Full PDB file with SEQRES, HELIX, SHEET, SSBOND, CRYST1, ORIGX, SCALE, CONECT and MASTER records, all heavy atoms in Angstrom:
SEQRES   1 A   41  GLY SER VAL ILE ALA ASP PHE ARG LYS LYS LYS ARG ILE          
SEQRES   2 A   41  SER GLN GLU VAL LEU SER GLY LEU ALA ASP ILE GLY ARG          
SEQRES   3 A   41  THR HIS LEU SER ALA ILE GLU ARG GLY GLU ARG LYS PRO          
SEQRES   4 A   41  THR LEU                                                      
HELIX    1 AA1 SER A    2  LYS A   10  1                                   9    
HELIX    2 AA2 GLN A   15  ALA A   22  1                                   8    
HELIX    3 AA3 ARG A   26  GLU A   33  1                                   8    
CRYST1    1.000    1.000    1.000  90.00  90.00  90.00 P 1           1          
ORIGX1      1.000000  0.000000  0.000000        0.00000                         
ORIGX2      0.000000  1.000000  0.000000        0.00000                         
ORIGX3      0.000000  0.000000  1.000000        0.00000                         
SCALE1      1.000000  0.000000  0.000000        0.00000                         
SCALE2      0.000000  1.000000  0.000000        0.00000                         
SCALE3      0.000000  0.000000  1.000000        0.00000                         
ATOM      1  N   GLY A   1      84.371 -18.146 118.716  1.00  0.00           N  
ATOM      2  CA  GLY A   1      85.571 -17.554 119.367  1.00  0.00           C  
ATOM      3  C   GLY A   1      86.904 -18.256 118.941  1.00  0.00           C  
ATOM      4  O   GLY A   1      87.913 -17.602 118.848  1.00  0.00           O  
ATOM      5  N   SER A   2      86.742 -19.575 118.897  1.00  0.00           N  
ATOM      6  CA  SER A   2      88.078 -20.352 118.586  1.00  0.00           C  
ATOM      7  C   SER A   2      88.472 -20.041 117.180  1.00  0.00           C  
ATOM      8  O   SER A   2      89.674 -19.983 116.862  1.00  0.00           O  
ATOM      9  CB  SER A   2      87.864 -21.810 118.787  1.00  0.00           C  
ATOM     10  OG  SER A   2      86.906 -22.469 117.855  1.00  0.00           O  
ATOM     11  N   VAL A   3      87.584 -19.869 116.254  1.00  0.00           N  
ATOM     12  CA  VAL A   3      87.909 -19.563 114.811  1.00  0.00           C  
ATOM     13  C   VAL A   3      88.641 -18.196 114.818  1.00  0.00           C  
ATOM     14  O   VAL A   3      89.659 -18.000 114.169  1.00  0.00           O  
ATOM     15  CB  VAL A   3      86.733 -19.543 113.940  1.00  0.00           C  
ATOM     16  CG1 VAL A   3      87.002 -18.997 112.484  1.00  0.00           C  
ATOM     17  CG2 VAL A   3      86.279 -20.977 113.771  1.00  0.00           C  
ATOM     18  N   ILE A   4      88.084 -17.176 115.461  1.00  0.00           N  
ATOM     19  CA  ILE A   4      88.583 -15.885 115.557  1.00  0.00           C  
ATOM     20  C   ILE A   4      90.092 -15.905 116.164  1.00  0.00           C  
ATOM     21  O   ILE A   4      90.956 -15.454 115.599  1.00  0.00           O  
ATOM     22  CB  ILE A   4      87.818 -14.911 116.216  1.00  0.00           C  
ATOM     23  CG1 ILE A   4      86.420 -14.602 115.327  1.00  0.00           C  
ATOM     24  CG2 ILE A   4      88.457 -13.555 116.625  1.00  0.00           C  
ATOM     25  CD1 ILE A   4      85.297 -13.869 116.033  1.00  0.00           C  
ATOM     26  N   ALA A   5      90.128 -16.660 117.269  1.00  0.00           N  
ATOM     27  CA  ALA A   5      91.350 -16.798 117.911  1.00  0.00           C  
ATOM     28  C   ALA A   5      92.400 -17.345 117.065  1.00  0.00           C  
ATOM     29  O   ALA A   5      93.618 -16.974 116.932  1.00  0.00           O  
ATOM     30  CB  ALA A   5      91.185 -17.436 119.255  1.00  0.00           C  
ATOM     31  N   ASP A   6      92.046 -18.460 116.325  1.00  0.00           N  
ATOM     32  CA  ASP A   6      92.997 -19.175 115.471  1.00  0.00           C  
ATOM     33  C   ASP A   6      93.456 -18.265 114.313  1.00  0.00           C  
ATOM     34  O   ASP A   6      94.642 -18.210 114.081  1.00  0.00           O  
ATOM     35  CB  ASP A   6      92.408 -20.515 114.874  1.00  0.00           C  
ATOM     36  CG  ASP A   6      92.198 -21.541 115.978  1.00  0.00           C  
ATOM     37  OD1 ASP A   6      92.645 -21.357 117.087  1.00  0.00           O  
ATOM     38  OD2 ASP A   6      91.577 -22.557 115.637  1.00  0.00           O  
ATOM     39  N   PHE A   7      92.576 -17.496 113.793  1.00  0.00           N  
ATOM     40  CA  PHE A   7      93.030 -16.520 112.684  1.00  0.00           C  
ATOM     41  C   PHE A   7      93.927 -15.480 113.221  1.00  0.00           C  
ATOM     42  O   PHE A   7      94.857 -15.094 112.633  1.00  0.00           O  
ATOM     43  CB  PHE A   7      91.863 -15.931 111.959  1.00  0.00           C  
ATOM     44  CG  PHE A   7      91.167 -16.781 110.974  1.00  0.00           C  
ATOM     45  CD1 PHE A   7      89.932 -17.264 110.990  1.00  0.00           C  
ATOM     46  CD2 PHE A   7      91.913 -16.973 109.659  1.00  0.00           C  
ATOM     47  CE1 PHE A   7      89.416 -18.045 110.090  1.00  0.00           C  
ATOM     48  CE2 PHE A   7      91.252 -17.723 108.748  1.00  0.00           C  
ATOM     49  CZ  PHE A   7      90.112 -18.400 108.866  1.00  0.00           C  
ATOM     50  N   ARG A   8      93.632 -14.945 114.498  1.00  0.00           N  
ATOM     51  CA  ARG A   8      94.483 -14.008 115.036  1.00  0.00           C  
ATOM     52  C   ARG A   8      95.872 -14.616 115.380  1.00  0.00           C  
ATOM     53  O   ARG A   8      96.833 -13.900 115.126  1.00  0.00           O  
ATOM     54  CB  ARG A   8      93.852 -13.484 116.437  1.00  0.00           C  
ATOM     55  CG  ARG A   8      94.668 -12.527 117.180  1.00  0.00           C  
ATOM     56  CD  ARG A   8      94.070 -11.988 118.492  1.00  0.00           C  
ATOM     57  NE  ARG A   8      93.784 -13.128 119.330  1.00  0.00           N  
ATOM     58  CZ  ARG A   8      94.734 -13.733 120.118  1.00  0.00           C  
ATOM     59  NH1 ARG A   8      96.072 -13.485 120.030  1.00  0.00           N  
ATOM     60  NH2 ARG A   8      94.431 -14.887 120.905  1.00  0.00           N  
ATOM     61  N   LYS A   9      96.025 -15.767 115.923  1.00  0.00           N  
ATOM     62  CA  LYS A   9      97.170 -16.378 116.113  1.00  0.00           C  
ATOM     63  C   LYS A   9      98.048 -16.716 114.932  1.00  0.00           C  
ATOM     64  O   LYS A   9      99.251 -16.608 114.891  1.00  0.00           O  
ATOM     65  CB  LYS A   9      96.946 -17.761 117.087  1.00  0.00           C  
ATOM     66  CG  LYS A   9      96.505 -17.421 118.437  1.00  0.00           C  
ATOM     67  CD  LYS A   9      96.057 -18.692 119.164  1.00  0.00           C  
ATOM     68  CE  LYS A   9      95.371 -18.315 120.448  1.00  0.00           C  
ATOM     69  NZ  LYS A   9      94.801 -19.643 121.085  1.00  0.00           N  
ATOM     70  N   LYS A  10      97.313 -17.086 113.790  1.00  0.00           N  
ATOM     71  CA  LYS A  10      98.074 -17.334 112.576  1.00  0.00           C  
ATOM     72  C   LYS A  10      98.729 -16.055 112.046  1.00  0.00           C  
ATOM     73  O   LYS A  10      99.829 -16.192 111.492  1.00  0.00           O  
ATOM     74  CB  LYS A  10      97.081 -17.892 111.484  1.00  0.00           C  
ATOM     75  CG  LYS A  10      96.744 -19.326 111.559  1.00  0.00           C  
ATOM     76  CD  LYS A  10      95.818 -19.722 110.467  1.00  0.00           C  
ATOM     77  CE  LYS A  10      95.099 -20.933 110.743  1.00  0.00           C  
ATOM     78  NZ  LYS A  10      93.986 -21.311 109.772  1.00  0.00           N  
ATOM     79  N   LYS A  11      98.194 -14.938 112.328  1.00  0.00           N  
ATOM     80  CA  LYS A  11      98.649 -13.639 111.901  1.00  0.00           C  
ATOM     81  C   LYS A  11      99.695 -13.122 113.051  1.00  0.00           C  
ATOM     82  O   LYS A  11     100.297 -12.027 112.780  1.00  0.00           O  
ATOM     83  CB  LYS A  11      97.483 -12.548 111.782  1.00  0.00           C  
ATOM     84  CG  LYS A  11      96.574 -12.853 110.744  1.00  0.00           C  
ATOM     85  CD  LYS A  11      97.166 -12.385 109.397  1.00  0.00           C  
ATOM     86  CE  LYS A  11      96.086 -12.754 108.282  1.00  0.00           C  
ATOM     87  NZ  LYS A  11      96.481 -11.970 106.997  1.00  0.00           N  
ATOM     88  N   ARG A  12      99.839 -13.829 114.006  1.00  0.00           N  
ATOM     89  CA  ARG A  12     100.782 -13.526 115.133  1.00  0.00           C  
ATOM     90  C   ARG A  12     100.452 -12.066 115.737  1.00  0.00           C  
ATOM     91  O   ARG A  12     101.309 -11.285 115.778  1.00  0.00           O  
ATOM     92  CB  ARG A  12     102.206 -13.605 114.674  1.00  0.00           C  
ATOM     93  CG  ARG A  12     102.570 -15.041 114.345  1.00  0.00           C  
ATOM     94  CD  ARG A  12     104.066 -15.148 114.054  1.00  0.00           C  
ATOM     95  NE  ARG A  12     104.486 -16.617 114.217  1.00  0.00           N  
ATOM     96  CZ  ARG A  12     105.074 -17.124 113.174  1.00  0.00           C  
ATOM     97  NH1 ARG A  12     105.447 -16.437 112.108  1.00  0.00           N  
ATOM     98  NH2 ARG A  12     105.425 -18.417 113.259  1.00  0.00           N  
ATOM     99  N   ILE A  13      99.246 -11.937 115.983  1.00  0.00           N  
ATOM    100  CA  ILE A  13      98.766 -10.531 116.533  1.00  0.00           C  
ATOM    101  C   ILE A  13      98.157 -10.840 117.937  1.00  0.00           C  
ATOM    102  O   ILE A  13      97.378 -11.789 118.096  1.00  0.00           O  
ATOM    103  CB  ILE A  13      97.637 -10.000 115.562  1.00  0.00           C  
ATOM    104  CG1 ILE A  13      98.191  -9.622 114.136  1.00  0.00           C  
ATOM    105  CG2 ILE A  13      97.082  -8.637 116.186  1.00  0.00           C  
ATOM    106  CD1 ILE A  13      97.089  -9.248 113.154  1.00  0.00           C  
ATOM    107  N   SER A  14      98.502 -10.015 118.806  1.00  0.00           N  
ATOM    108  CA  SER A  14      98.000 -10.203 120.141  1.00  0.00           C  
ATOM    109  C   SER A  14      96.559  -9.619 120.165  1.00  0.00           C  
ATOM    110  O   SER A  14      96.121  -8.933 119.313  1.00  0.00           O  
ATOM    111  CB  SER A  14      98.870  -9.402 121.164  1.00  0.00           C  
ATOM    112  OG  SER A  14      98.609  -7.890 120.941  1.00  0.00           O  
ATOM    113  N   GLN A  15      95.842 -10.052 121.241  1.00  0.00           N  
ATOM    114  CA  GLN A  15      94.552  -9.532 121.505  1.00  0.00           C  
ATOM    115  C   GLN A  15      94.607  -7.942 121.689  1.00  0.00           C  
ATOM    116  O   GLN A  15      93.607  -7.354 121.127  1.00  0.00           O  
ATOM    117  CB  GLN A  15      93.814 -10.038 122.746  1.00  0.00           C  
ATOM    118  CG  GLN A  15      93.446 -11.517 122.506  1.00  0.00           C  
ATOM    119  CD  GLN A  15      92.770 -12.032 123.869  1.00  0.00           C  
ATOM    120  OE1 GLN A  15      92.921 -11.546 124.903  1.00  0.00           O  
ATOM    121  NE2 GLN A  15      91.993 -13.098 123.724  1.00  0.00           N  
ATOM    122  N   GLU A  16      95.487  -7.568 122.179  1.00  0.00           N  
ATOM    123  CA  GLU A  16      95.700  -6.115 122.503  1.00  0.00           C  
ATOM    124  C   GLU A  16      95.724  -5.265 121.091  1.00  0.00           C  
ATOM    125  O   GLU A  16      95.057  -4.358 120.855  1.00  0.00           O  
ATOM    126  CB  GLU A  16      96.854  -5.767 123.414  1.00  0.00           C  
ATOM    127  CG  GLU A  16      97.008  -4.366 123.762  1.00  0.00           C  
ATOM    128  CD  GLU A  16      96.099  -3.956 124.984  1.00  0.00           C  
ATOM    129  OE1 GLU A  16      95.829  -4.841 125.734  1.00  0.00           O  
ATOM    130  OE2 GLU A  16      95.555  -2.914 124.859  1.00  0.00           O  
ATOM    131  N   VAL A  17      96.690  -5.754 120.304  1.00  0.00           N  
ATOM    132  CA  VAL A  17      96.790  -5.210 118.934  1.00  0.00           C  
ATOM    133  C   VAL A  17      95.446  -5.383 118.164  1.00  0.00           C  
ATOM    134  O   VAL A  17      94.957  -4.384 117.480  1.00  0.00           O  
ATOM    135  CB  VAL A  17      98.059  -5.789 118.179  1.00  0.00           C  
ATOM    136  CG1 VAL A  17      98.067  -5.343 116.691  1.00  0.00           C  
ATOM    137  CG2 VAL A  17      99.325  -5.356 118.925  1.00  0.00           C  
ATOM    138  N   LEU A  18      94.993  -6.581 117.994  1.00  0.00           N  
ATOM    139  CA  LEU A  18      93.737  -6.824 117.211  1.00  0.00           C  
ATOM    140  C   LEU A  18      92.685  -5.982 117.674  1.00  0.00           C  
ATOM    141  O   LEU A  18      91.897  -5.271 116.897  1.00  0.00           O  
ATOM    142  CB  LEU A  18      93.420  -8.322 117.105  1.00  0.00           C  
ATOM    143  CG  LEU A  18      92.024  -8.646 116.430  1.00  0.00           C  
ATOM    144  CD1 LEU A  18      92.223  -8.250 114.939  1.00  0.00           C  
ATOM    145  CD2 LEU A  18      91.710 -10.028 116.447  1.00  0.00           C  
ATOM    146  N   SER A  19      92.437  -5.823 118.943  1.00  0.00           N  
ATOM    147  CA  SER A  19      91.311  -5.039 119.475  1.00  0.00           C  
ATOM    148  C   SER A  19      91.457  -3.574 119.081  1.00  0.00           C  
ATOM    149  O   SER A  19      90.522  -2.908 118.914  1.00  0.00           O  
ATOM    150  CB  SER A  19      91.121  -5.166 120.957  1.00  0.00           C  
ATOM    151  OG  SER A  19      92.226  -4.871 121.647  1.00  0.00           O  
ATOM    152  N   GLY A  20      92.729  -3.090 119.177  1.00  0.00           N  
ATOM    153  CA  GLY A  20      93.106  -1.748 118.750  1.00  0.00           C  
ATOM    154  C   GLY A  20      92.770  -1.550 117.327  1.00  0.00           C  
ATOM    155  O   GLY A  20      92.101  -0.516 116.892  1.00  0.00           O  
ATOM    156  N   LEU A  21      93.225  -2.490 116.369  1.00  0.00           N  
ATOM    157  CA  LEU A  21      93.013  -2.303 114.990  1.00  0.00           C  
ATOM    158  C   LEU A  21      91.465  -2.371 114.691  1.00  0.00           C  
ATOM    159  O   LEU A  21      90.996  -1.782 113.788  1.00  0.00           O  
ATOM    160  CB  LEU A  21      93.771  -3.467 114.197  1.00  0.00           C  
ATOM    161  CG  LEU A  21      95.174  -3.238 114.152  1.00  0.00           C  
ATOM    162  CD1 LEU A  21      95.854  -4.622 113.759  1.00  0.00           C  
ATOM    163  CD2 LEU A  21      95.600  -2.066 113.495  1.00  0.00           C  
ATOM    164  N   ALA A  22      90.735  -3.186 115.433  1.00  0.00           N  
ATOM    165  CA  ALA A  22      89.304  -3.373 115.214  1.00  0.00           C  
ATOM    166  C   ALA A  22      88.494  -2.367 115.776  1.00  0.00           C  
ATOM    167  O   ALA A  22      87.222  -2.230 115.626  1.00  0.00           O  
ATOM    168  CB  ALA A  22      88.835  -4.824 115.631  1.00  0.00           C  
ATOM    169  N   ASP A  23      89.205  -1.576 116.710  1.00  0.00           N  
ATOM    170  CA  ASP A  23      88.374  -0.509 117.538  1.00  0.00           C  
ATOM    171  C   ASP A  23      87.313  -1.146 118.423  1.00  0.00           C  
ATOM    172  O   ASP A  23      86.148  -0.673 118.400  1.00  0.00           O  
ATOM    173  CB  ASP A  23      87.845   0.522 116.636  1.00  0.00           C  
ATOM    174  CG  ASP A  23      87.392   1.744 117.323  1.00  0.00           C  
ATOM    175  OD1 ASP A  23      88.074   2.035 118.478  1.00  0.00           O  
ATOM    176  OD2 ASP A  23      86.499   2.516 117.033  1.00  0.00           O  
ATOM    177  N   ILE A  24      87.684  -2.289 119.031  1.00  0.00           N  
ATOM    178  CA  ILE A  24      86.770  -2.899 120.015  1.00  0.00           C  
ATOM    179  C   ILE A  24      87.598  -2.964 121.354  1.00  0.00           C  
ATOM    180  O   ILE A  24      88.749  -3.051 121.249  1.00  0.00           O  
ATOM    181  CB  ILE A  24      86.137  -4.251 119.615  1.00  0.00           C  
ATOM    182  CG1 ILE A  24      87.362  -5.217 119.257  1.00  0.00           C  
ATOM    183  CG2 ILE A  24      85.226  -3.965 118.357  1.00  0.00           C  
ATOM    184  CD1 ILE A  24      86.739  -6.666 119.003  1.00  0.00           C  
ATOM    185  N   GLY A  25      86.980  -3.142 122.406  1.00  0.00           N  
ATOM    186  CA  GLY A  25      87.676  -3.408 123.734  1.00  0.00           C  
ATOM    187  C   GLY A  25      88.343  -4.625 123.793  1.00  0.00           C  
ATOM    188  O   GLY A  25      87.874  -5.655 123.256  1.00  0.00           O  
ATOM    189  N   ARG A  26      89.451  -4.698 124.379  1.00  0.00           N  
ATOM    190  CA  ARG A  26      90.233  -5.966 124.529  1.00  0.00           C  
ATOM    191  C   ARG A  26      89.479  -7.017 125.276  1.00  0.00           C  
ATOM    192  O   ARG A  26      89.528  -8.203 124.951  1.00  0.00           O  
ATOM    193  CB  ARG A  26      91.593  -5.717 125.151  1.00  0.00           C  
ATOM    194  CG  ARG A  26      92.507  -6.935 124.926  1.00  0.00           C  
ATOM    195  CD  ARG A  26      93.661  -7.075 125.913  1.00  0.00           C  
ATOM    196  NE  ARG A  26      93.202  -7.154 127.280  1.00  0.00           N  
ATOM    197  CZ  ARG A  26      92.739  -8.203 127.919  1.00  0.00           C  
ATOM    198  NH1 ARG A  26      92.508  -9.386 127.275  1.00  0.00           N  
ATOM    199  NH2 ARG A  26      92.357  -8.119 129.110  1.00  0.00           N  
ATOM    200  N   THR A  27      88.886  -6.527 126.380  1.00  0.00           N  
ATOM    201  CA  THR A  27      88.096  -7.472 127.161  1.00  0.00           C  
ATOM    202  C   THR A  27      86.886  -8.061 126.407  1.00  0.00           C  
ATOM    203  O   THR A  27      86.545  -9.206 126.467  1.00  0.00           O  
ATOM    204  CB  THR A  27      87.456  -6.796 128.391  1.00  0.00           C  
ATOM    205  OG1 THR A  27      86.800  -5.613 128.111  1.00  0.00           O  
ATOM    206  CG2 THR A  27      88.633  -6.491 129.509  1.00  0.00           C  
ATOM    207  N   HIS A  28      86.246  -7.292 125.442  1.00  0.00           N  
ATOM    208  CA  HIS A  28      85.230  -7.792 124.645  1.00  0.00           C  
ATOM    209  C   HIS A  28      85.792  -8.765 123.608  1.00  0.00           C  
ATOM    210  O   HIS A  28      85.105  -9.878 123.494  1.00  0.00           O  
ATOM    211  CB  HIS A  28      84.714  -6.491 123.902  1.00  0.00           C  
ATOM    212  CG  HIS A  28      83.492  -6.815 123.056  1.00  0.00           C  
ATOM    213  ND1 HIS A  28      82.838  -5.964 122.214  1.00  0.00           N  
ATOM    214  CD2 HIS A  28      82.773  -7.997 122.839  1.00  0.00           C  
ATOM    215  CE1 HIS A  28      81.865  -6.497 121.610  1.00  0.00           C  
ATOM    216  NE2 HIS A  28      81.781  -7.775 121.882  1.00  0.00           N  
ATOM    217  N   LEU A  29      86.930  -8.513 123.061  1.00  0.00           N  
ATOM    218  CA  LEU A  29      87.550  -9.448 122.198  1.00  0.00           C  
ATOM    219  C   LEU A  29      87.882 -10.698 122.963  1.00  0.00           C  
ATOM    220  O   LEU A  29      87.516 -11.889 122.374  1.00  0.00           O  
ATOM    221  CB  LEU A  29      88.770  -8.907 121.547  1.00  0.00           C  
ATOM    222  CG  LEU A  29      89.573  -9.894 120.643  1.00  0.00           C  
ATOM    223  CD1 LEU A  29      88.781 -10.428 119.397  1.00  0.00           C  
ATOM    224  CD2 LEU A  29      90.894  -9.259 120.200  1.00  0.00           C  
ATOM    225  N   SER A  30      88.453 -10.611 124.128  1.00  0.00           N  
ATOM    226  CA  SER A  30      88.777 -11.796 124.830  1.00  0.00           C  
ATOM    227  C   SER A  30      87.470 -12.696 125.195  1.00  0.00           C  
ATOM    228  O   SER A  30      87.476 -13.766 125.186  1.00  0.00           O  
ATOM    229  CB  SER A  30      89.381 -11.385 126.280  1.00  0.00           C  
ATOM    230  OG  SER A  30      89.736 -12.470 127.072  1.00  0.00           O  
ATOM    231  N   ALA A  31      86.435 -12.006 125.476  1.00  0.00           N  
ATOM    232  CA  ALA A  31      85.187 -12.687 125.777  1.00  0.00           C  
ATOM    233  C   ALA A  31      84.613 -13.375 124.582  1.00  0.00           C  
ATOM    234  O   ALA A  31      84.138 -14.517 124.618  1.00  0.00           O  
ATOM    235  CB  ALA A  31      84.159 -11.662 126.327  1.00  0.00           C  
ATOM    236  N   ILE A  32      84.830 -12.820 123.332  1.00  0.00           N  
ATOM    237  CA  ILE A  32      84.403 -13.409 122.103  1.00  0.00           C  
ATOM    238  C   ILE A  32      85.215 -14.641 121.925  1.00  0.00           C  
ATOM    239  O   ILE A  32      84.692 -15.723 121.583  1.00  0.00           O  
ATOM    240  CB  ILE A  32      84.558 -12.431 120.985  1.00  0.00           C  
ATOM    241  CG1 ILE A  32      83.526 -11.323 121.004  1.00  0.00           C  
ATOM    242  CG2 ILE A  32      84.454 -13.082 119.660  1.00  0.00           C  
ATOM    243  CD1 ILE A  32      83.602 -10.201 120.024  1.00  0.00           C  
ATOM    244  N   GLU A  33      86.477 -14.562 122.115  1.00  0.00           N  
ATOM    245  CA  GLU A  33      87.468 -15.606 121.803  1.00  0.00           C  
ATOM    246  C   GLU A  33      87.113 -16.814 122.809  1.00  0.00           C  
ATOM    247  O   GLU A  33      87.414 -18.041 122.488  1.00  0.00           O  
ATOM    248  CB  GLU A  33      88.851 -15.181 121.808  1.00  0.00           C  
ATOM    249  CG  GLU A  33      89.311 -14.361 120.637  1.00  0.00           C  
ATOM    250  CD  GLU A  33      90.738 -14.251 120.451  1.00  0.00           C  
ATOM    251  OE1 GLU A  33      91.463 -14.586 121.467  1.00  0.00           O  
ATOM    252  OE2 GLU A  33      91.164 -13.494 119.552  1.00  0.00           O  
ATOM    253  N   ARG A  34      86.657 -16.527 123.967  1.00  0.00           N  
ATOM    254  CA  ARG A  34      86.464 -17.514 124.949  1.00  0.00           C  
ATOM    255  C   ARG A  34      84.960 -18.130 124.774  1.00  0.00           C  
ATOM    256  O   ARG A  34      84.720 -19.069 125.407  1.00  0.00           O  
ATOM    257  CB  ARG A  34      86.589 -17.039 126.422  1.00  0.00           C  
ATOM    258  CG  ARG A  34      87.956 -16.735 126.863  1.00  0.00           C  
ATOM    259  CD  ARG A  34      88.072 -16.419 128.265  1.00  0.00           C  
ATOM    260  NE  ARG A  34      87.120 -15.498 128.912  1.00  0.00           N  
ATOM    261  CZ  ARG A  34      87.263 -14.076 128.886  1.00  0.00           C  
ATOM    262  NH1 ARG A  34      88.403 -13.654 128.529  1.00  0.00           N  
ATOM    263  NH2 ARG A  34      86.262 -13.355 129.362  1.00  0.00           N  
ATOM    264  N   GLY A  35      84.245 -17.549 123.876  1.00  0.00           N  
ATOM    265  CA  GLY A  35      82.816 -18.075 123.739  1.00  0.00           C  
ATOM    266  C   GLY A  35      81.842 -17.526 124.666  1.00  0.00           C  
ATOM    267  O   GLY A  35      80.811 -18.104 124.757  1.00  0.00           O  
ATOM    268  N   GLU A  36      82.208 -16.467 125.341  1.00  0.00           N  
ATOM    269  CA  GLU A  36      81.249 -15.895 126.393  1.00  0.00           C  
ATOM    270  C   GLU A  36      80.377 -14.926 125.662  1.00  0.00           C  
ATOM    271  O   GLU A  36      79.258 -14.578 126.293  1.00  0.00           O  
ATOM    272  CB  GLU A  36      82.085 -15.310 127.547  1.00  0.00           C  
ATOM    273  CG  GLU A  36      82.831 -16.308 128.272  1.00  0.00           C  
ATOM    274  CD  GLU A  36      83.738 -15.599 129.414  1.00  0.00           C  
ATOM    275  OE1 GLU A  36      83.749 -14.437 129.466  1.00  0.00           O  
ATOM    276  OE2 GLU A  36      84.431 -16.366 130.022  1.00  0.00           O  
ATOM    277  N   ARG A  37      80.822 -14.327 124.536  1.00  0.00           N  
ATOM    278  CA  ARG A  37      79.941 -13.515 123.850  1.00  0.00           C  
ATOM    279  C   ARG A  37      79.940 -13.824 122.317  1.00  0.00           C  
ATOM    280  O   ARG A  37      81.072 -14.270 121.813  1.00  0.00           O  
ATOM    281  CB  ARG A  37      80.338 -12.035 123.967  1.00  0.00           C  
ATOM    282  CG  ARG A  37      80.414 -11.527 125.511  1.00  0.00           C  
ATOM    283  CD  ARG A  37      80.590 -10.088 125.663  1.00  0.00           C  
ATOM    284  NE  ARG A  37      79.535  -9.291 125.066  1.00  0.00           N  
ATOM    285  CZ  ARG A  37      79.457  -7.962 125.092  1.00  0.00           C  
ATOM    286  NH1 ARG A  37      80.396  -7.337 125.662  1.00  0.00           N  
ATOM    287  NH2 ARG A  37      78.409  -7.321 124.500  1.00  0.00           N  
ATOM    288  N   LYS A  38      78.918 -13.444 121.563  1.00  0.00           N  
ATOM    289  CA  LYS A  38      78.883 -13.558 120.181  1.00  0.00           C  
ATOM    290  C   LYS A  38      79.049 -12.196 119.454  1.00  0.00           C  
ATOM    291  O   LYS A  38      78.476 -11.246 120.017  1.00  0.00           O  
ATOM    292  CB  LYS A  38      77.569 -14.192 119.708  1.00  0.00           C  
ATOM    293  CG  LYS A  38      77.429 -15.643 120.092  1.00  0.00           C  
ATOM    294  CD  LYS A  38      76.030 -16.120 119.467  1.00  0.00           C  
ATOM    295  CE  LYS A  38      75.867 -17.506 120.098  1.00  0.00           C  
ATOM    296  NZ  LYS A  38      74.485 -17.936 119.788  1.00  0.00           N  
ATOM    297  N   PRO A  39      79.971 -12.212 118.567  1.00  0.00           N  
ATOM    298  CA  PRO A  39      80.121 -10.845 117.849  1.00  0.00           C  
ATOM    299  C   PRO A  39      79.051 -10.492 117.029  1.00  0.00           C  
ATOM    300  O   PRO A  39      78.396 -11.371 116.372  1.00  0.00           O  
ATOM    301  CB  PRO A  39      81.373 -11.080 117.097  1.00  0.00           C  
ATOM    302  CG  PRO A  39      81.424 -12.479 116.698  1.00  0.00           C  
ATOM    303  CD  PRO A  39      80.861 -13.253 117.978  1.00  0.00           C  
ATOM    304  N   THR A  40      78.676  -9.068 116.904  1.00  0.00           N  
ATOM    305  CA  THR A  40      77.701  -8.808 115.956  1.00  0.00           C  
ATOM    306  C   THR A  40      78.276  -8.779 114.603  1.00  0.00           C  
ATOM    307  O   THR A  40      79.570  -8.946 114.463  1.00  0.00           O  
ATOM    308  CB  THR A  40      77.249  -7.219 116.271  1.00  0.00           C  
ATOM    309  OG1 THR A  40      78.503  -6.411 116.159  1.00  0.00           O  
ATOM    310  CG2 THR A  40      76.638  -7.068 117.718  1.00  0.00           C  
ATOM    311  N   LEU A  41      77.564  -8.592 113.562  1.00  0.00           N  
ATOM    312  CA  LEU A  41      78.088  -8.589 112.240  1.00  0.00           C  
ATOM    313  C   LEU A  41      79.145  -7.393 112.115  1.00  0.00           C  
ATOM    314  O   LEU A  41      80.021  -7.508 111.485  1.00  0.00           O  
ATOM    315  CB  LEU A  41      77.017  -8.378 111.184  1.00  0.00           C  
ATOM    316  CG  LEU A  41      76.243  -9.690 110.889  1.00  0.00           C  
ATOM    317  CD1 LEU A  41      75.098  -9.336 109.955  1.00  0.00           C  
ATOM    318  CD2 LEU A  41      77.079 -10.733 110.224  1.00  0.00           C  
TER     319      LEU A  41                                                      
MASTER        0    0    0    3    0    0    0    6  318    1    0    4          
END                                                                             
């Protein structure tokens, strides 16, 4: 989660924007970044 969050922050993209571009829910992305969920491949 921290690696994904760091790459997102380096690109200066919000969770809202990244989740939209990746077609995943923002709450799902947030849970991944907090380490509460692991992303599938």
